[in-house]
N, C-alpha and C. Protein backbone atom coordinates (compact mmCIF):
# COMPACT_ATOMS: atom_id res chain seq x y z
N MET A 1 -0.65 32.77 -13.32
CA MET A 1 -1.58 32.20 -12.37
C MET A 1 -2.34 31.02 -12.97
N ILE A 2 -2.63 31.13 -14.26
CA ILE A 2 -3.35 30.03 -14.91
C ILE A 2 -2.48 28.78 -14.96
N LYS A 3 -1.16 28.95 -15.14
CA LYS A 3 -0.26 27.80 -15.19
C LYS A 3 -0.23 27.09 -13.85
N LEU A 4 -0.26 27.83 -12.75
CA LEU A 4 -0.27 27.23 -11.43
C LEU A 4 -1.56 26.46 -11.20
N ASP A 5 -2.68 27.03 -11.60
CA ASP A 5 -3.96 26.33 -11.47
C ASP A 5 -3.97 25.05 -12.27
N ALA A 6 -3.46 25.10 -13.50
CA ALA A 6 -3.42 23.90 -14.35
C ALA A 6 -2.51 22.84 -13.73
N LEU A 7 -1.39 23.26 -13.17
CA LEU A 7 -0.48 22.32 -12.52
C LEU A 7 -1.15 21.65 -11.33
N LEU A 8 -1.87 22.42 -10.52
CA LEU A 8 -2.56 21.84 -9.37
C LEU A 8 -3.66 20.87 -9.79
N VAL A 9 -4.34 21.18 -10.89
CA VAL A 9 -5.38 20.28 -11.41
C VAL A 9 -4.74 18.97 -11.87
N PHE A 10 -3.62 19.05 -12.58
CA PHE A 10 -2.96 17.83 -13.05
C PHE A 10 -2.41 17.01 -11.89
N ILE A 11 -1.90 17.66 -10.87
CA ILE A 11 -1.42 16.93 -9.69
C ILE A 11 -2.59 16.24 -8.99
N GLY A 12 -3.72 16.93 -8.86
CA GLY A 12 -4.90 16.32 -8.24
C GLY A 12 -5.41 15.13 -9.02
N ILE A 13 -5.44 15.24 -10.33
CA ILE A 13 -5.88 14.11 -11.17
C ILE A 13 -4.90 12.95 -11.04
N GLY A 14 -3.60 13.27 -11.00
CA GLY A 14 -2.60 12.22 -10.84
C GLY A 14 -2.73 11.48 -9.52
N VAL A 15 -2.95 12.22 -8.45
CA VAL A 15 -3.12 11.60 -7.13
C VAL A 15 -4.37 10.73 -7.12
N GLN A 16 -5.44 11.22 -7.73
CA GLN A 16 -6.68 10.43 -7.76
C GLN A 16 -6.50 9.16 -8.58
N LEU A 17 -5.85 9.24 -9.71
CA LEU A 17 -5.62 8.04 -10.53
C LEU A 17 -4.71 7.05 -9.80
N TRP A 18 -3.67 7.57 -9.14
CA TRP A 18 -2.78 6.68 -8.39
C TRP A 18 -3.56 5.96 -7.29
N ALA A 19 -4.39 6.69 -6.56
CA ALA A 19 -5.16 6.08 -5.47
C ALA A 19 -6.15 5.06 -6.02
N LEU A 20 -6.77 5.36 -7.14
CA LEU A 20 -7.72 4.44 -7.75
C LEU A 20 -7.04 3.13 -8.14
N PHE A 21 -5.88 3.21 -8.79
CA PHE A 21 -5.16 2.01 -9.17
C PHE A 21 -4.59 1.29 -7.95
N ASP A 22 -4.19 2.03 -6.94
CA ASP A 22 -3.67 1.42 -5.72
C ASP A 22 -4.76 0.62 -5.01
N VAL A 23 -5.95 1.19 -4.92
CA VAL A 23 -7.07 0.47 -4.30
C VAL A 23 -7.43 -0.76 -5.14
N ALA A 24 -7.44 -0.62 -6.44
CA ALA A 24 -7.87 -1.71 -7.31
C ALA A 24 -6.91 -2.90 -7.28
N ARG A 25 -5.63 -2.66 -7.08
CA ARG A 25 -4.68 -3.76 -7.14
C ARG A 25 -4.38 -4.41 -5.79
N LYS A 26 -4.85 -3.84 -4.70
CA LYS A 26 -4.61 -4.42 -3.38
C LYS A 26 -5.52 -5.62 -3.14
N PRO A 27 -5.01 -6.64 -2.45
CA PRO A 27 -5.88 -7.76 -2.06
C PRO A 27 -6.83 -7.34 -0.94
N GLN A 28 -7.90 -8.03 -0.80
CA GLN A 28 -8.94 -7.69 0.17
C GLN A 28 -8.40 -7.66 1.61
N GLU A 29 -7.39 -8.46 1.91
CA GLU A 29 -6.86 -8.53 3.28
C GLU A 29 -6.13 -7.27 3.70
N SER A 30 -5.76 -6.42 2.75
CA SER A 30 -4.96 -5.24 3.10
C SER A 30 -5.81 -4.00 3.36
N PHE A 31 -7.10 -4.15 3.51
CA PHE A 31 -7.98 -3.02 3.79
C PHE A 31 -8.32 -2.99 5.27
N ILE A 32 -8.22 -1.81 5.88
CA ILE A 32 -8.40 -1.69 7.32
C ILE A 32 -9.85 -1.36 7.68
N VAL A 33 -10.35 -0.26 7.17
CA VAL A 33 -11.61 0.28 7.66
C VAL A 33 -12.81 -0.26 6.88
N TRP A 34 -12.80 -0.14 5.57
CA TRP A 34 -13.92 -0.55 4.73
C TRP A 34 -13.45 -1.57 3.72
N PRO A 35 -14.39 -2.28 3.09
CA PRO A 35 -14.00 -3.24 2.05
C PRO A 35 -13.53 -2.52 0.78
N LYS A 36 -12.98 -3.31 -0.12
CA LYS A 36 -12.39 -2.77 -1.34
C LYS A 36 -13.40 -1.98 -2.17
N TRP A 37 -14.60 -2.51 -2.34
CA TRP A 37 -15.60 -1.84 -3.19
C TRP A 37 -15.97 -0.47 -2.62
N ALA A 38 -16.01 -0.35 -1.28
CA ALA A 38 -16.36 0.93 -0.66
C ALA A 38 -15.25 1.96 -0.91
N TRP A 39 -13.98 1.52 -0.83
CA TRP A 39 -12.89 2.46 -1.09
C TRP A 39 -12.87 2.89 -2.54
N LEU A 40 -13.19 2.00 -3.46
CA LEU A 40 -13.26 2.39 -4.87
C LEU A 40 -14.31 3.48 -5.08
N ILE A 41 -15.47 3.31 -4.45
CA ILE A 41 -16.54 4.31 -4.58
C ILE A 41 -16.11 5.64 -3.95
N VAL A 42 -15.47 5.59 -2.79
CA VAL A 42 -15.02 6.83 -2.12
C VAL A 42 -14.02 7.58 -3.00
N VAL A 43 -13.05 6.86 -3.57
CA VAL A 43 -12.03 7.51 -4.40
C VAL A 43 -12.66 8.08 -5.66
N ILE A 44 -13.60 7.38 -6.27
CA ILE A 44 -14.22 7.85 -7.51
C ILE A 44 -15.12 9.06 -7.23
N ILE A 45 -15.97 8.98 -6.23
CA ILE A 45 -16.95 10.05 -5.98
C ILE A 45 -16.31 11.29 -5.38
N PHE A 46 -15.43 11.12 -4.39
CA PHE A 46 -14.89 12.27 -3.67
C PHE A 46 -13.57 12.79 -4.24
N GLY A 47 -13.06 12.16 -5.27
CA GLY A 47 -11.88 12.67 -5.96
C GLY A 47 -10.66 12.79 -5.09
N LEU A 48 -10.11 13.98 -5.03
CA LEU A 48 -8.87 14.21 -4.29
C LEU A 48 -9.07 13.97 -2.79
N LEU A 49 -10.19 14.37 -2.25
CA LEU A 49 -10.46 14.14 -0.83
C LEU A 49 -10.52 12.64 -0.55
N GLY A 50 -11.20 11.87 -1.39
CA GLY A 50 -11.26 10.42 -1.22
C GLY A 50 -9.89 9.78 -1.34
N SER A 51 -9.06 10.31 -2.24
CA SER A 51 -7.70 9.79 -2.40
C SER A 51 -6.87 10.04 -1.15
N LEU A 52 -7.00 11.24 -0.60
CA LEU A 52 -6.27 11.55 0.63
C LEU A 52 -6.77 10.71 1.81
N LEU A 53 -8.07 10.47 1.87
CA LEU A 53 -8.60 9.57 2.91
C LEU A 53 -8.01 8.18 2.77
N TRP A 54 -7.90 7.70 1.53
CA TRP A 54 -7.31 6.38 1.29
C TRP A 54 -5.86 6.33 1.76
N VAL A 55 -5.10 7.36 1.42
CA VAL A 55 -3.68 7.36 1.75
C VAL A 55 -3.46 7.42 3.26
N PHE A 56 -4.19 8.27 3.97
CA PHE A 56 -3.92 8.49 5.38
C PHE A 56 -4.75 7.64 6.32
N TRP A 57 -5.83 7.03 5.84
CA TRP A 57 -6.72 6.33 6.76
C TRP A 57 -6.98 4.89 6.35
N GLY A 58 -6.97 4.58 5.07
CA GLY A 58 -7.43 3.26 4.64
C GLY A 58 -6.36 2.23 4.36
N ARG A 59 -5.13 2.66 4.14
CA ARG A 59 -4.08 1.72 3.77
C ARG A 59 -3.42 1.12 4.99
N LYS A 60 -3.05 -0.17 4.88
CA LYS A 60 -2.23 -0.78 5.90
C LYS A 60 -0.80 -0.32 5.70
N ARG A 61 -0.14 -0.02 6.77
CA ARG A 61 1.26 0.38 6.66
C ARG A 61 2.09 -0.89 6.57
N ASN A 62 3.15 -0.85 5.77
CA ASN A 62 3.95 -2.04 5.56
C ASN A 62 5.21 -2.08 6.41
N GLY A 63 5.38 -1.16 7.31
CA GLY A 63 6.52 -1.17 8.20
C GLY A 63 7.80 -0.70 7.55
N GLY A 64 7.73 -0.14 6.36
CA GLY A 64 8.90 0.41 5.73
C GLY A 64 9.76 -0.57 4.97
N ASN A 65 9.36 -1.86 4.91
CA ASN A 65 10.21 -2.79 4.20
C ASN A 65 9.88 -2.87 2.71
N GLY A 66 8.80 -2.25 2.28
CA GLY A 66 8.47 -2.20 0.86
C GLY A 66 8.04 -3.51 0.25
N ARG A 67 7.69 -4.49 1.07
CA ARG A 67 7.41 -5.82 0.55
C ARG A 67 6.00 -6.29 0.89
N GLN A 68 5.10 -5.48 1.14
CA GLN A 68 3.73 -5.73 1.59
C GLN A 68 3.24 -7.16 1.39
N GLY A 69 3.23 -7.91 2.47
CA GLY A 69 2.61 -9.21 2.48
C GLY A 69 3.46 -10.34 1.92
N ARG A 70 4.59 -10.07 1.34
CA ARG A 70 5.43 -11.14 0.81
C ARG A 70 6.34 -11.65 1.92
N PRO A 71 6.45 -12.98 2.03
CA PRO A 71 7.36 -13.49 3.06
C PRO A 71 8.81 -13.25 2.65
N ARG A 72 9.64 -13.07 3.63
CA ARG A 72 11.06 -12.88 3.36
C ARG A 72 11.67 -14.21 2.95
N PRO A 73 12.64 -14.19 2.06
CA PRO A 73 13.29 -15.44 1.69
C PRO A 73 14.08 -16.01 2.86
N ALA A 74 14.14 -17.33 2.93
CA ALA A 74 14.86 -17.97 4.02
C ALA A 74 16.35 -17.69 3.90
N LYS A 75 16.96 -17.35 5.01
CA LYS A 75 18.39 -17.09 5.03
C LYS A 75 19.13 -18.40 5.21
N ASP A 76 20.23 -18.55 4.50
CA ASP A 76 21.08 -19.71 4.72
C ASP A 76 21.86 -19.49 6.00
N VAL A 77 21.76 -20.46 6.89
CA VAL A 77 22.44 -20.37 8.18
C VAL A 77 23.55 -21.42 8.17
N PRO A 78 24.78 -21.02 8.48
CA PRO A 78 25.85 -22.01 8.52
C PRO A 78 25.61 -23.01 9.66
N PRO A 79 26.11 -24.23 9.52
CA PRO A 79 25.82 -25.28 10.52
C PRO A 79 26.22 -24.89 11.94
N ASP A 80 27.30 -24.15 12.13
CA ASP A 80 27.71 -23.83 13.49
C ASP A 80 26.82 -22.77 14.15
N ASP A 81 25.94 -22.11 13.35
CA ASP A 81 24.99 -21.15 13.91
C ASP A 81 23.57 -21.69 13.93
N ASN A 82 23.37 -22.87 13.40
CA ASN A 82 22.04 -23.45 13.30
C ASN A 82 21.75 -24.27 14.56
N PRO A 83 20.79 -23.84 15.39
CA PRO A 83 20.51 -24.57 16.63
C PRO A 83 20.00 -25.99 16.37
N ASP A 84 19.25 -26.21 15.30
CA ASP A 84 18.76 -27.56 15.01
C ASP A 84 19.90 -28.50 14.68
N PHE A 85 20.85 -28.03 13.91
CA PHE A 85 22.01 -28.85 13.55
C PHE A 85 22.83 -29.17 14.80
N LEU A 86 23.06 -28.17 15.63
CA LEU A 86 23.86 -28.39 16.83
C LEU A 86 23.16 -29.31 17.82
N ARG A 87 21.85 -29.27 17.86
CA ARG A 87 21.08 -30.13 18.77
C ARG A 87 21.23 -31.60 18.37
N ASN A 88 21.38 -31.85 17.09
CA ASN A 88 21.47 -33.23 16.60
C ASN A 88 22.89 -33.82 16.70
N LEU A 89 23.85 -33.06 17.15
CA LEU A 89 25.22 -33.59 17.26
C LEU A 89 25.36 -34.52 18.43
């Protein structure tokens, strides 16, 4: 039983540290509800509860593409599929 308790404590500390670093590295534009400094205080003071609040309530969802805020690289379009090229013919 003690091993299970220790494992849960380590998992809680890991989640809190992950949330703390996640909040710290995000740009200000990616915060929904509160500013960055407020989320840092919530995660530090409330520990695991603050971390769970950050994960489920404070983060912007990235739509599943894993590229948060980065523009997609321009695709090369062949001339016969490029409307601008065809318009100039």
